[in-house]
């Protein structure tokens, strides 16, 4: 049994404990074929495509409004640049104490402080948007969905309707829990410094 975070009554555990019953004789072959096409296109292909797109990166230096991977990379890059800037400005401030005026030291320390605030702001953005959690969740969702699609195609080849239905139910559970975790992550998001 899987324990769901925040589910103190274990109401969602019933999803995982359900049995998938189907009698092949009761299924209309035409409707089943139509359902299979729908299932592969909209549940597997579309979901895998969306999750993979969110986990993928494009060739742009700072695509802050791109995929989750683009946003995560952009924030990390900006944090790195700001950190290098802080180190350089602090080194300048130390050197200026020996060779220059007080205004150079003050300016370097002031600019380093601004960069430090920018880093904290970027971290608040990353945490508030749930970038790391979303990216991880989408990678797991895409890979597990792809595994289920492989299993589903194997079940189709083996003409095992029972296995197909079990895989469909598992995909529904996966989609449900992915959506649940998305909502949980974003309902608890905090943009705080």
Foldseek 3Di string as FASTA:
>chain_A
DDDDPPCPVCPVVVLVVDAQDDDPVPDDVVVVVVVVVCCCVPLQVVLLVVLVLLLDDDPDDQPCPGHLNSVVVNLVVLLVVLVVLLVVLCVQLVVCVPPHDPVSNVVSNVSNVVSVVVNLQSVLVCQQVVSVVSNVLSVVLNVVSVVLVVQLVVCVVVVPVSSNRVSSSVSVSSVVVSVVVVCVSNVPGDSDD
